[in-house]
Amino acid sequence: MARGVLPQPVQQLIDEFARLPGIGPKSASRLTFFLLRAANDQALDLAEALTDLKQRTQFCSICFNITEDDPCLICQDETRDEQLLCVVEEPLDVLAIERSRAFSGRYHVLHGAISPVEGIGPEDLKVDELIHRVQQGQFVEVILATNPTLEGESTALYLQRRLAESGVKLTRLARGLPVGGDLEYTDEITLSRALEGRQEL
């Protein structure tokens, strides 16, 4: 449908959906017209959930995972191993590793990976905060659990250089993970084996 034919609120929602990753113009239109036909409470529930997402969530001031309370539940958990730190790219990676039940240490979320093509450098990530945590903490081992992609590998190599003189043992997830894949889509068994078979850098 040509722009200008639709009422402005409809076009605006299509445009907003189209800005989301993985949503093209056709999918954006389908979602908008689905909500237009849906019962009022379904559309309003979605609007309320989006409002709550922005108003009631924040980043943990310690690990930078998404949380409702600061610090997050993982950082508050005194039963977790204080000497083991797992560095991941995104909060979804924390969920994936937690599902494996193979890790009981702490996390640090970078919020991305180094990607010169997209203009993302170390200064755009939570790298300085990681270096500070490792220097101030009692960590014995830091697991660099970035994704097995070109960007993830570049990020791990950069972190390896930055942490080389910290005195902590640096490890990388074992190669049970598929190259080019993301942690959030990896099954529990593969992730569990990758964690158990991690190697020192």
C-alpha atoms as a PDB file:
ATOM      1  CA  MET A   1       0.000   0.000   0.000  1.00  0.00           C
ATOM      2  CA  ALA A   2       1.440   3.345  -1.017  1.00  0.00           C
ATOM      3  CA  ARG A   3       2.551   5.835   1.616  1.00  0.00           C
ATOM      4  CA  GLY A   4      -0.026   8.615   2.044  1.00  0.00           C
ATOM      5  CA  VAL A   5      -2.982   6.264   1.479  1.00  0.00           C
ATOM      6  CA  LEU A   6      -2.899   5.025   5.085  1.00  0.00           C
ATOM      7  CA  PRO A   7      -3.959   7.012   8.150  1.00  0.00           C
ATOM      8  CA  GLN A   8      -0.930   8.542   9.857  1.00  0.00           C
ATOM      9  CA  PRO A   9      -1.132   6.402  13.072  1.00  0.00           C
ATOM     10  CA  VAL A  10      -1.173   3.200  10.967  1.00  0.00           C
ATOM     11  CA  GLN A  11       1.773   4.300   8.845  1.00  0.00           C
ATOM     12  CA  GLN A  12       3.669   5.392  11.943  1.00  0.00           C
ATOM     13  CA  LEU A  13       3.296   1.934  13.562  1.00  0.00           C
ATOM     14  CA  ILE A  14       4.371   0.230  10.321  1.00  0.00           C
ATOM     15  CA  ASP A  15       7.461   2.463  10.228  1.00  0.00           C
ATOM     16  CA  GLU A  16       8.292   1.669  13.869  1.00  0.00           C
ATOM     17  CA  PHE A  17       7.904  -2.101  13.370  1.00  0.00           C
ATOM     18  CA  ALA A  18      10.101  -1.887  10.251  1.00  0.00           C
ATOM     19  CA  ARG A  19      12.912  -0.408  12.360  1.00  0.00           C
ATOM     20  CA  LEU A  20      13.119  -3.633  14.399  1.00  0.00           C
ATOM     21  CA  PRO A  21      15.803  -6.200  13.454  1.00  0.00           C
ATOM     22  CA  GLY A  22      14.507  -8.934  11.166  1.00  0.00           C
ATOM     23  CA  ILE A  23      11.260  -7.103  10.378  1.00  0.00           C
ATOM     24  CA  GLY A  24      10.870  -5.962   6.786  1.00  0.00           C
ATOM     25  CA  PRO A  25       8.152  -3.680   5.351  1.00  0.00           C
ATOM     26  CA  LYS A  26       5.752  -6.587   4.627  1.00  0.00           C
ATOM     27  CA  SER A  27       6.094  -8.091   8.107  1.00  0.00           C
ATOM     28  CA  ALA A  28       5.700  -4.627   9.622  1.00  0.00           C
ATOM     29  CA  SER A  29       2.468  -4.138   7.683  1.00  0.00           C
ATOM     30  CA  ARG A  30       1.159  -7.576   8.674  1.00  0.00           C
ATOM     31  CA  LEU A  31       1.860  -6.934  12.372  1.00  0.00           C
ATOM     32  CA  THR A  32       0.218  -3.510  12.228  1.00  0.00           C
ATOM     33  CA  PHE A  33      -2.944  -4.771  10.540  1.00  0.00           C
ATOM     34  CA  PHE A  34      -3.086  -7.745  12.937  1.00  0.00           C
ATOM     35  CA  LEU A  35      -3.108  -5.333  15.873  1.00  0.00           C
ATOM     36  CA  LEU A  36      -5.630  -3.116  14.102  1.00  0.00           C
ATOM     37  CA  ARG A  37      -8.047  -6.063  13.862  1.00  0.00           C
ATOM     38  CA  ALA A  38      -7.193  -7.504  17.299  1.00  0.00           C
ATOM     39  CA  ALA A  39      -9.271  -6.956  20.395  1.00  0.00           C
ATOM     40  CA  ASN A  40      -8.520  -3.671  22.143  1.00  0.00           C
ATOM     41  CA  ASP A  41      -7.075  -5.414  25.196  1.00  0.00           C
ATOM     42  CA  GLN A  42      -4.457  -7.252  23.101  1.00  0.00           C
ATOM     43  CA  ALA A  43      -3.128  -4.046  21.558  1.00  0.00           C
ATOM     44  CA  LEU A  44      -3.277  -2.227  24.894  1.00  0.00           C
ATOM     45  CA  ASP A  45      -1.500  -5.138  26.654  1.00  0.00           C
ATOM     46  CA  LEU A  46       1.297  -4.855  24.090  1.00  0.00           C
ATOM     47  CA  ALA A  47       1.527  -1.095  24.630  1.00  0.00           C
ATOM     48  CA  GLU A  48       1.636  -1.601  28.416  1.00  0.00           C
ATOM     49  CA  ALA A  49       4.331  -4.285  28.111  1.00  0.00           C
ATOM     50  CA  LEU A  50       6.467  -1.944  25.990  1.00  0.00           C
ATOM     51  CA  THR A  51       6.006   0.873  28.508  1.00  0.00           C
ATOM     52  CA  ASP A  52       6.940  -1.439  31.405  1.00  0.00           C
ATOM     53  CA  LEU A  53       9.990  -2.657  29.475  1.00  0.00           C
ATOM     54  CA  LYS A  54      11.396   0.858  29.275  1.00  0.00           C
ATOM     55  CA  GLN A  55      10.240   2.127  32.670  1.00  0.00           C
ATOM     56  CA  ARG A  56      10.874  -0.874  34.932  1.00  0.00           C
ATOM     57  CA  THR A  57      14.087  -2.374  33.547  1.00  0.00           C
ATOM     58  CA  GLN A  58      17.650  -1.132  33.837  1.00  0.00           C
ATOM     59  CA  PHE A  59      21.202  -2.399  33.533  1.00  0.00           C
ATOM     60  CA  CYS A  60      22.807  -3.969  36.579  1.00  0.00           C
ATOM     61  CA  SER A  61      25.519  -1.596  37.834  1.00  0.00           C
ATOM     62  CA  ILE A  62      27.880  -4.554  38.375  1.00  0.00           C
ATOM     63  CA  CYS A  63      27.487  -6.958  35.437  1.00  0.00           C
ATOM     64  CA  PHE A  64      25.351  -4.820  33.051  1.00  0.00           C
ATOM     65  CA  ASN A  65      22.755  -7.543  32.574  1.00  0.00           C
ATOM     66  CA  ILE A  66      19.120  -6.437  32.258  1.00  0.00           C
ATOM     67  CA  THR A  67      17.368  -6.307  35.619  1.00  0.00           C
ATOM     68  CA  GLU A  68      14.419  -4.879  37.461  1.00  0.00           C
ATOM     69  CA  ASP A  69      16.410  -4.446  40.684  1.00  0.00           C
ATOM     70  CA  ASP A  70      19.986  -3.198  40.965  1.00  0.00           C
ATOM     71  CA  PRO A  71      22.118  -5.187  41.508  1.00  0.00           C
ATOM     72  CA  CYS A  72      20.582  -8.080  39.573  1.00  0.00           C
ATOM     73  CA  LEU A  73      19.606 -11.409  41.151  1.00  0.00           C
ATOM     74  CA  ILE A  74      22.757 -13.139  39.860  1.00  0.00           C
ATOM     75  CA  CYS A  75      25.050 -10.486  41.356  1.00  0.00           C
ATOM     76  CA  GLN A  76      23.097 -10.698  44.642  1.00  0.00           C
ATOM     77  CA  ASP A  77      23.419 -14.503  44.801  1.00  0.00           C
ATOM     78  CA  GLU A  78      26.090 -15.248  47.408  1.00  0.00           C
ATOM     79  CA  THR A  79      26.187 -18.952  46.485  1.00  0.00           C
ATOM     80  CA  ARG A  80      27.767 -18.226  43.096  1.00  0.00           C
ATOM     81  CA  ASP A  81      31.506 -18.653  42.508  1.00  0.00           C
ATOM     82  CA  GLU A  82      33.192 -15.270  43.088  1.00  0.00           C
ATOM     83  CA  GLN A  83      36.406 -16.425  41.357  1.00  0.00           C
ATOM     84  CA  LEU A  84      34.848 -17.252  37.986  1.00  0.00           C
ATOM     85  CA  LEU A  85      33.757 -14.573  35.507  1.00  0.00           C
ATOM     86  CA  CYS A  86      32.044 -15.253  32.172  1.00  0.00           C
ATOM     87  CA  VAL A  87      32.145 -12.422  29.605  1.00  0.00           C
ATOM     88  CA  VAL A  88      29.320 -12.422  27.041  1.00  0.00           C
ATOM     89  CA  GLU A  89      28.168 -10.090  24.288  1.00  0.00           C
ATOM     90  CA  GLU A  90      24.470  -9.740  25.116  1.00  0.00           C
ATOM     91  CA  PRO A  91      21.964 -10.375  27.953  1.00  0.00           C
ATOM     92  CA  LEU A  92      20.405 -13.164  25.852  1.00  0.00           C
ATOM     93  CA  ASP A  93      23.733 -15.001  26.114  1.00  0.00           C
ATOM     94  CA  VAL A  94      23.422 -14.994  29.916  1.00  0.00           C
ATOM     95  CA  LEU A  95      20.022 -16.679  29.569  1.00  0.00           C
ATOM     96  CA  ALA A  96      21.451 -19.284  27.210  1.00  0.00           C
ATOM     97  CA  ILE A  97      24.331 -20.174  29.558  1.00  0.00           C
ATOM     98  CA  GLU A  98      22.043 -20.221  32.597  1.00  0.00           C
ATOM     99  CA  ARG A  99      19.782 -22.723  30.789  1.00  0.00           C
ATOM    100  CA  SER A 100      22.773 -25.071  30.440  1.00  0.00           C
ATOM    101  CA  ARG A 101      23.139 -25.195  34.264  1.00  0.00           C
ATOM    102  CA  ALA A 102      26.883 -25.748  33.685  1.00  0.00           C
ATOM    103  CA  PHE A 103      28.092 -22.419  35.056  1.00  0.00           C
ATOM    104  CA  SER A 104      27.769 -21.027  38.570  1.00  0.00           C
ATOM    105  CA  GLY A 105      30.070 -17.993  38.489  1.00  0.00           C
ATOM    106  CA  ARG A 106      29.552 -14.323  37.703  1.00  0.00           C
ATOM    107  CA  TYR A 107      28.821 -12.579  34.402  1.00  0.00           C
ATOM    108  CA  HIS A 108      29.877  -9.453  32.566  1.00  0.00           C
ATOM    109  CA  VAL A 109      27.767  -8.282  29.602  1.00  0.00           C
ATOM    110  CA  LEU A 110      29.631  -6.246  26.978  1.00  0.00           C
ATOM    111  CA  HIS A 111      26.501  -5.152  25.060  1.00  0.00           C
ATOM    112  CA  GLY A 112      27.899  -5.953  21.653  1.00  0.00           C
ATOM    113  CA  ALA A 113      31.098  -6.917  19.880  1.00  0.00           C
ATOM    114  CA  ILE A 114      33.862  -4.943  18.219  1.00  0.00           C
ATOM    115  CA  SER A 115      32.874  -4.319  14.598  1.00  0.00           C
ATOM    116  CA  PRO A 116      34.819  -1.697  12.609  1.00  0.00           C
ATOM    117  CA  VAL A 117      32.405  -2.151   9.674  1.00  0.00           C
ATOM    118  CA  GLU A 118      29.497  -1.000  11.863  1.00  0.00           C
ATOM    119  CA  GLY A 119      31.615   1.620  13.614  1.00  0.00           C
ATOM    120  CA  ILE A 120      31.570  -0.211  16.971  1.00  0.00           C
ATOM    121  CA  GLY A 121      34.832   0.061  18.886  1.00  0.00           C
ATOM    122  CA  PRO A 122      35.876  -1.024  22.406  1.00  0.00           C
ATOM    123  CA  GLU A 123      34.813   2.363  23.746  1.00  0.00           C
ATOM    124  CA  ASP A 124      31.213   1.578  22.720  1.00  0.00           C
ATOM    125  CA  LEU A 125      31.168  -1.590  24.854  1.00  0.00           C
ATOM    126  CA  LYS A 126      31.456  -2.262  28.588  1.00  0.00           C
ATOM    127  CA  VAL A 127      35.178  -3.073  28.200  1.00  0.00           C
ATOM    128  CA  ASP A 128      36.644  -0.508  30.612  1.00  0.00           C
ATOM    129  CA  GLU A 129      34.148  -1.658  33.237  1.00  0.00           C
ATOM    130  CA  LEU A 130      35.300  -5.257  32.665  1.00  0.00           C
ATOM    131  CA  ILE A 131      38.979  -4.343  33.054  1.00  0.00           C
ATOM    132  CA  HIS A 132      38.160  -2.474  36.263  1.00  0.00           C
ATOM    133  CA  ARG A 133      36.173  -5.445  37.655  1.00  0.00           C
ATOM    134  CA  VAL A 134      38.997  -7.872  36.931  1.00  0.00           C
ATOM    135  CA  GLN A 135      41.576  -5.543  38.496  1.00  0.00           C
ATOM    136  CA  GLN A 136      39.453  -4.928  41.598  1.00  0.00           C
ATOM    137  CA  GLY A 137      37.927  -8.400  41.963  1.00  0.00           C
ATOM    138  CA  GLN A 138      39.158 -11.759  43.161  1.00  0.00           C
ATOM    139  CA  PHE A 139      38.653 -13.561  39.870  1.00  0.00           C
ATOM    140  CA  VAL A 140      40.930 -16.510  39.168  1.00  0.00           C
ATOM    141  CA  GLU A 141      39.504 -17.289  35.719  1.00  0.00           C
ATOM    142  CA  VAL A 142      37.815 -15.160  33.065  1.00  0.00           C
ATOM    143  CA  ILE A 143      35.908 -17.054  30.354  1.00  0.00           C
ATOM    144  CA  LEU A 144      35.667 -15.096  27.100  1.00  0.00           C
ATOM    145  CA  ALA A 145      32.318 -16.417  25.868  1.00  0.00           C
ATOM    146  CA  THR A 146      31.876 -14.139  22.866  1.00  0.00           C
ATOM    147  CA  ASN A 147      30.094 -15.551  19.821  1.00  0.00           C
ATOM    148  CA  PRO A 148      32.127 -17.660  17.357  1.00  0.00           C
ATOM    149  CA  THR A 149      31.820 -14.995  14.647  1.00  0.00           C
ATOM    150  CA  LEU A 150      34.436 -12.697  13.138  1.00  0.00           C
ATOM    151  CA  GLU A 151      33.293  -9.890  15.462  1.00  0.00           C
ATOM    152  CA  GLY A 152      33.212 -12.205  18.479  1.00  0.00           C
ATOM    153  CA  GLU A 153      36.700 -13.519  17.758  1.00  0.00           C
ATOM    154  CA  SER A 154      38.046  -9.979  17.297  1.00  0.00           C
ATOM    155  CA  THR A 155      36.496  -8.949  20.603  1.00  0.00           C
ATOM    156  CA  ALA A 156      37.991 -11.966  22.411  1.00  0.00           C
ATOM    157  CA  LEU A 157      41.462 -11.219  20.993  1.00  0.00           C
ATOM    158  CA  TYR A 158      41.187  -7.578  22.057  1.00  0.00           C
ATOM    159  CA  LEU A 159      40.096  -8.581  25.579  1.00  0.00           C
ATOM    160  CA  GLN A 160      42.900 -11.136  25.743  1.00  0.00           C
ATOM    161  CA  ARG A 161      45.435  -8.379  25.050  1.00  0.00           C
ATOM    162  CA  ARG A 162      43.851  -6.010  27.569  1.00  0.00           C
ATOM    163  CA  LEU A 163      43.714  -8.677  30.304  1.00  0.00           C
ATOM    164  CA  ALA A 164      47.098 -10.290  29.574  1.00  0.00           C
ATOM    165  CA  GLU A 165      48.832  -8.637  32.519  1.00  0.00           C
ATOM    166  CA  SER A 166      45.978  -9.057  35.000  1.00  0.00           C
ATOM    167  CA  GLY A 167      47.292 -12.391  36.284  1.00  0.00           C
ATOM    168  CA  VAL A 168      43.961 -14.174  35.775  1.00  0.00           C
ATOM    169  CA  LYS A 169      43.588 -17.356  33.755  1.00  0.00           C
ATOM    170  CA  LEU A 170      41.916 -16.547  30.429  1.00  0.00           C
ATOM    171  CA  THR A 171      39.847 -19.239  28.728  1.00  0.00           C
ATOM    172  CA  ARG A 172      37.626 -19.431  25.644  1.00  0.00           C
ATOM    173  CA  LEU A 173      34.599 -21.654  25.100  1.00  0.00           C
ATOM    174  CA  ALA A 174      35.499 -24.959  23.459  1.00  0.00           C
ATOM    175  CA  ARG A 175      34.812 -25.327  19.757  1.00  0.00           C
ATOM    176  CA  GLY A 176      31.648 -27.318  20.235  1.00  0.00           C
ATOM    177  CA  LEU A 177      29.820 -24.170  19.200  1.00  0.00           C
ATOM    178  CA  PRO A 178      29.012 -23.730  15.514  1.00  0.00           C
ATOM    179  CA  VAL A 179      31.038 -21.052  13.737  1.00  0.00           C
ATOM    180  CA  GLY A 180      28.810 -18.179  12.685  1.00  0.00           C
ATOM    181  CA  GLY A 181      26.177 -19.039  15.305  1.00  0.00           C
ATOM    182  CA  ASP A 182      24.890 -17.101  18.310  1.00  0.00           C
ATOM    183  CA  LEU A 183      24.889 -18.363  21.902  1.00  0.00           C
ATOM    184  CA  GLU A 184      21.192 -17.590  22.327  1.00  0.00           C
ATOM    185  CA  TYR A 185      20.283 -20.216  19.668  1.00  0.00           C
ATOM    186  CA  THR A 186      22.618 -22.936  20.957  1.00  0.00           C
ATOM    187  CA  ASP A 187      21.064 -25.948  22.682  1.00  0.00           C
ATOM    188  CA  GLU A 188      21.803 -26.716  26.340  1.00  0.00           C
ATOM    189  CA  ILE A 189      23.937 -29.819  25.701  1.00  0.00           C
ATOM    190  CA  THR A 190      26.249 -28.081  23.218  1.00  0.00           C
ATOM    191  CA  LEU A 191      26.638 -25.100  25.549  1.00  0.00           C
ATOM    192  CA  SER A 192      27.282 -27.353  28.533  1.00  0.00           C
ATOM    193  CA  ARG A 193      30.007 -29.267  26.666  1.00  0.00           C
ATOM    194  CA  ALA A 194      31.535 -26.028  25.392  1.00  0.00           C
ATOM    195  CA  LEU A 195      31.776 -24.693  28.939  1.00  0.00           C
ATOM    196  CA  GLU A 196      33.232 -27.941  30.309  1.00  0.00           C
ATOM    197  CA  GLY A 197      35.801 -28.148  27.509  1.00  0.00           C
ATOM    198  CA  ARG A 198      37.001 -24.556  27.592  1.00  0.00           C
ATOM    199  CA  GLN A 199      40.713 -24.055  26.946  1.00  0.00           C
ATOM    200  CA  GLU A 200      43.297 -21.680  28.296  1.00  0.00           C
ATOM    201  CA  LEU A 201      44.381 -18.964  25.872  1.00  0.00           C
END
